[in-house]
C-alpha atoms as a PDB file:
ATOM      1  CA  UNK A   1      -2.046  -4.617 -17.360  1.00  0.00           C
ATOM      2  CA  UNK A   2      -3.064  -8.197 -17.774  1.00  0.00           C
ATOM      3  CA  UNK A   3      -1.281 -11.346 -16.647  1.00  0.00           C
ATOM      4  CA  UNK A   4      -1.440 -14.499 -18.740  1.00  0.00           C
ATOM      5  CA  UNK A   5      -0.282 -17.963 -17.846  1.00  0.00           C
ATOM      6  CA  UNK A   6       1.683 -19.190 -20.857  1.00  0.00           C
ATOM      7  CA  UNK A   7       3.016 -22.548 -22.038  1.00  0.00           C
ATOM      8  CA  UNK A   8       5.560 -23.502 -24.683  1.00  0.00           C
ATOM      9  CA  UNK A   9       5.587 -26.560 -26.931  1.00  0.00           C
ATOM     10  CA  UNK A  10       8.264 -28.011 -24.612  1.00  0.00           C
ATOM     11  CA  UNK A  11       5.772 -28.228 -21.741  1.00  0.00           C
ATOM     12  CA  UNK A  12       7.149 -25.329 -19.697  1.00  0.00           C
ATOM     13  CA  UNK A  13       4.647 -22.996 -18.038  1.00  0.00           C
ATOM     14  CA  UNK A  14       5.333 -19.390 -17.051  1.00  0.00           C
ATOM     15  CA  UNK A  15       3.568 -16.056 -16.630  1.00  0.00           C
ATOM     16  CA  UNK A  16       3.699 -12.936 -18.743  1.00  0.00           C
ATOM     17  CA  UNK A  17       2.396  -9.412 -18.157  1.00  0.00           C
ATOM     18  CA  UNK A  18       1.003  -7.416 -21.072  1.00  0.00           C
ATOM     19  CA  UNK A  19      -0.467  -3.957 -21.512  1.00  0.00           C
ATOM     20  CA  UNK A  20      -3.633  -5.502 -22.938  1.00  0.00           C
ATOM     21  CA  UNK A  21      -4.979  -8.608 -24.631  1.00  0.00           C
ATOM     22  CA  UNK A  22      -4.294  -6.956 -27.981  1.00  0.00           C
ATOM     23  CA  UNK A  23      -0.679  -6.302 -26.959  1.00  0.00           C
ATOM     24  CA  UNK A  24      -0.262 -10.024 -26.198  1.00  0.00           C
ATOM     25  CA  UNK A  25      -1.805 -10.952 -29.569  1.00  0.00           C
ATOM     26  CA  UNK A  26       0.507  -8.570 -31.445  1.00  0.00           C
ATOM     27  CA  UNK A  27       3.649  -9.775 -29.661  1.00  0.00           C
ATOM     28  CA  UNK A  28       2.690 -13.422 -30.152  1.00  0.00           C
ATOM     29  CA  UNK A  29       1.976 -12.872 -33.869  1.00  0.00           C
ATOM     30  CA  UNK A  30       5.374 -11.190 -34.306  1.00  0.00           C
ATOM     31  CA  UNK A  31       7.181 -14.033 -32.481  1.00  0.00           C
ATOM     32  CA  UNK A  32       8.332 -11.803 -29.623  1.00  0.00           C
ATOM     33  CA  UNK A  33       7.234 -14.103 -26.825  1.00  0.00           C
ATOM     34  CA  UNK A  34       9.701 -16.822 -25.936  1.00  0.00           C
ATOM     35  CA  UNK A  35       9.902 -19.439 -23.225  1.00  0.00           C
ATOM     36  CA  UNK A  36      12.341 -18.314 -20.522  1.00  0.00           C
ATOM     37  CA  UNK A  37      13.263 -21.962 -19.876  1.00  0.00           C
ATOM     38  CA  UNK A  38      14.062 -23.274 -23.362  1.00  0.00           C
ATOM     39  CA  UNK A  39      13.723 -20.263 -25.694  1.00  0.00           C
ATOM     40  CA  UNK A  40      10.946 -21.799 -27.775  1.00  0.00           C
ATOM     41  CA  UNK A  41       8.823 -19.253 -29.652  1.00  0.00           C
ATOM     42  CA  UNK A  42       5.907 -21.712 -29.908  1.00  0.00           C
ATOM     43  CA  UNK A  43       4.073 -20.173 -26.953  1.00  0.00           C
ATOM     44  CA  UNK A  44       0.342 -20.219 -26.270  1.00  0.00           C
ATOM     45  CA  UNK A  45      -1.942 -19.137 -23.466  1.00  0.00           C
ATOM     46  CA  UNK A  46      -2.421 -21.848 -20.853  1.00  0.00           C
ATOM     47  CA  UNK A  47      -5.647 -22.476 -18.969  1.00  0.00           C
ATOM     48  CA  UNK A  48      -5.837 -20.349 -15.856  1.00  0.00           C
ATOM     49  CA  UNK A  49      -8.397 -19.845 -13.139  1.00  0.00           C
ATOM     50  CA  UNK A  50      -9.717 -16.311 -12.769  1.00  0.00           C
ATOM     51  CA  UNK A  51      -8.754 -14.372  -9.660  1.00  0.00           C
ATOM     52  CA  UNK A  52     -12.104 -13.191  -8.333  1.00  0.00           C
ATOM     53  CA  UNK A  53     -12.075 -10.794  -5.399  1.00  0.00           C
ATOM     54  CA  UNK A  54     -14.554 -11.347  -2.602  1.00  0.00           C
ATOM     55  CA  UNK A  55     -15.349  -9.404   0.559  1.00  0.00           C
ATOM     56  CA  UNK A  56     -13.596 -11.898   2.840  1.00  0.00           C
ATOM     57  CA  UNK A  57     -10.353 -11.050   4.568  1.00  0.00           C
ATOM     58  CA  UNK A  58      -7.741 -12.213   2.059  1.00  0.00           C
ATOM     59  CA  UNK A  59      -4.836 -11.075   4.235  1.00  0.00           C
ATOM     60  CA  UNK A  60      -5.503 -13.834   6.749  1.00  0.00           C
ATOM     61  CA  UNK A  61      -6.609 -16.500   4.259  1.00  0.00           C
ATOM     62  CA  UNK A  62      -4.144 -19.252   3.334  1.00  0.00           C
ATOM     63  CA  UNK A  63      -2.402 -18.368   0.074  1.00  0.00           C
ATOM     64  CA  UNK A  64      -3.347 -14.682   0.330  1.00  0.00           C
ATOM     65  CA  UNK A  65      -1.588 -12.426  -2.125  1.00  0.00           C
ATOM     66  CA  UNK A  66       1.675 -10.772  -1.194  1.00  0.00           C
ATOM     67  CA  UNK A  67       0.022  -7.392  -1.709  1.00  0.00           C
ATOM     68  CA  UNK A  68      -2.781  -8.186   0.748  1.00  0.00           C
ATOM     69  CA  UNK A  69      -0.305  -9.460   3.334  1.00  0.00           C
ATOM     70  CA  UNK A  70       1.888  -6.372   2.872  1.00  0.00           C
ATOM     71  CA  UNK A  71      -1.138  -4.076   3.228  1.00  0.00           C
ATOM     72  CA  UNK A  72      -2.140  -5.807   6.469  1.00  0.00           C
ATOM     73  CA  UNK A  73       1.424  -5.433   7.783  1.00  0.00           C
ATOM     74  CA  UNK A  74       1.326  -1.699   7.018  1.00  0.00           C
ATOM     75  CA  UNK A  75      -2.020  -1.369   8.816  1.00  0.00           C
ATOM     76  CA  UNK A  76      -0.601  -3.235  11.822  1.00  0.00           C
ATOM     77  CA  UNK A  77       2.427  -0.921  11.909  1.00  0.00           C
ATOM     78  CA  UNK A  78       0.156   2.134  11.701  1.00  0.00           C
ATOM     79  CA  UNK A  79      -1.847   0.822  14.669  1.00  0.00           C
ATOM     80  CA  UNK A  80       1.376   0.252  16.644  1.00  0.00           C
ATOM     81  CA  UNK A  81       2.602   3.773  15.845  1.00  0.00           C
ATOM     82  CA  UNK A  82      -0.693   5.315  16.928  1.00  0.00           C
ATOM     83  CA  UNK A  83      -0.709   3.261  20.151  1.00  0.00           C
ATOM     84  CA  UNK A  84       2.866   4.344  20.964  1.00  0.00           C
ATOM     85  CA  UNK A  85       2.024   8.014  20.402  1.00  0.00           C
ATOM     86  CA  UNK A  86      -1.141   7.752  22.501  1.00  0.00           C
ATOM     87  CA  UNK A  87       0.830   6.068  25.291  1.00  0.00           C
ATOM     88  CA  UNK A  88       3.769   8.490  25.381  1.00  0.00           C
ATOM     89  CA  UNK A  89       2.328  11.852  24.303  1.00  0.00           C
ATOM     90  CA  UNK A  90      -0.251  14.222  25.786  1.00  0.00           C
ATOM     91  CA  UNK A  91      -3.622  14.497  24.084  1.00  0.00           C
ATOM     92  CA  UNK A  92      -4.477  18.181  23.512  1.00  0.00           C
ATOM     93  CA  UNK A  93      -7.528  17.687  21.296  1.00  0.00           C
ATOM     94  CA  UNK A  94      -8.497  20.564  18.991  1.00  0.00           C
ATOM     95  CA  UNK A  95      -5.814  22.771  20.596  1.00  0.00           C
ATOM     96  CA  UNK A  96      -3.078  20.827  18.768  1.00  0.00           C
ATOM     97  CA  UNK A  97      -1.870  23.648  16.503  1.00  0.00           C
ATOM     98  CA  UNK A  98      -1.827  26.152  19.380  1.00  0.00           C
ATOM     99  CA  UNK A  99       0.031  23.763  21.695  1.00  0.00           C
ATOM    100  CA  UNK A 100       2.540  22.731  18.992  1.00  0.00           C
ATOM    101  CA  UNK A 101       3.391  26.414  18.453  1.00  0.00           C
ATOM    102  CA  UNK A 102       3.842  27.027  22.191  1.00  0.00           C
ATOM    103  CA  UNK A 103       6.228  24.078  22.428  1.00  0.00           C
ATOM    104  CA  UNK A 104       8.116  25.115  19.284  1.00  0.00           C
ATOM    105  CA  UNK A 105       8.559  28.702  20.485  1.00  0.00           C
ATOM    106  CA  UNK A 106       9.478  27.471  23.987  1.00  0.00           C
ATOM    107  CA  UNK A 107       6.423  29.046  25.610  1.00  0.00           C
ATOM    108  CA  UNK A 108       5.463  25.641  26.975  1.00  0.00           C
ATOM    109  CA  UNK A 109       7.461  22.652  28.224  1.00  0.00           C
ATOM    110  CA  UNK A 110       8.930  20.423  25.510  1.00  0.00           C
ATOM    111  CA  UNK A 111       6.882  17.235  25.216  1.00  0.00           C
ATOM    112  CA  UNK A 112       5.101  15.101  22.689  1.00  0.00           C
ATOM    113  CA  UNK A 113       1.527  16.097  21.950  1.00  0.00           C
ATOM    114  CA  UNK A 114      -1.186  14.819  19.665  1.00  0.00           C
ATOM    115  CA  UNK A 115      -4.655  15.979  18.785  1.00  0.00           C
ATOM    116  CA  UNK A 116      -6.715  17.289  15.911  1.00  0.00           C
ATOM    117  CA  UNK A 117      -5.808  19.964  13.365  1.00  0.00           C
ATOM    118  CA  UNK A 118      -7.352  21.034  10.110  1.00  0.00           C
ATOM    119  CA  UNK A 119      -5.416  20.646   6.881  1.00  0.00           C
ATOM    120  CA  UNK A 120      -4.869  24.412   6.840  1.00  0.00           C
ATOM    121  CA  UNK A 121      -3.573  24.432  10.432  1.00  0.00           C
ATOM    122  CA  UNK A 122      -1.171  21.578   9.652  1.00  0.00           C
ATOM    123  CA  UNK A 123       0.051  23.377   6.513  1.00  0.00           C
ATOM    124  CA  UNK A 124       0.689  26.550   8.529  1.00  0.00           C
ATOM    125  CA  UNK A 125       2.642  24.584  11.158  1.00  0.00           C
ATOM    126  CA  UNK A 126       4.851  23.053   8.469  1.00  0.00           C
ATOM    127  CA  UNK A 127       5.407  26.476   6.863  1.00  0.00           C
ATOM    128  CA  UNK A 128       6.568  27.762  10.272  1.00  0.00           C
ATOM    129  CA  UNK A 129       9.083  24.933  10.483  1.00  0.00           C
ATOM    130  CA  UNK A 130       7.167  23.014  13.140  1.00  0.00           C
ATOM    131  CA  UNK A 131       7.464  19.262  12.624  1.00  0.00           C
ATOM    132  CA  UNK A 132       4.102  17.518  12.537  1.00  0.00           C
ATOM    133  CA  UNK A 133       3.108  14.036  11.481  1.00  0.00           C
ATOM    134  CA  UNK A 134      -0.447  13.045  10.615  1.00  0.00           C
ATOM    135  CA  UNK A 135      -1.652   9.894  12.343  1.00  0.00           C
ATOM    136  CA  UNK A 136      -4.579   8.662  10.279  1.00  0.00           C
ATOM    137  CA  UNK A 137      -7.176   6.441  11.869  1.00  0.00           C
ATOM    138  CA  UNK A 138      -7.849   3.293   9.920  1.00  0.00           C
ATOM    139  CA  UNK A 139     -11.417   2.881   8.764  1.00  0.00           C
ATOM    140  CA  UNK A 140     -11.788  -0.463  10.524  1.00  0.00           C
ATOM    141  CA  UNK A 141     -10.637   1.098  13.821  1.00  0.00           C
ATOM    142  CA  UNK A 142     -13.324   3.803  13.856  1.00  0.00           C
ATOM    143  CA  UNK A 143     -16.417   3.095  15.915  1.00  0.00           C
END
């Protein structure tokens, strides 16, 4: 997908999304692109600055994209979830699958636990009807 800034002969500017540059050219040639403000079919591409990504933190920069801000909010919520689990549940390390089974089958006291499990162990727990939730560590939180 490509986004173009467009302008009509009436001076209105707006944006349009197209599958490709060729798709824009074909639609423009067929008169299928109209101004949403006045309906004019005399529409051309307007000058636009390229959006060049850099390695700086766009989520905290003024005018950051909605997507970058939303992604940072999701990361913040994931950190809060992990912190809440670590505060309220018992860490059982690599014995997670074993301990989750004991709790599920009432061989151990009911409580929240967290730890490590392989993908296969987690799959087996789910197949047994044991509720588990992966808590991924964010790359920037790993040391």
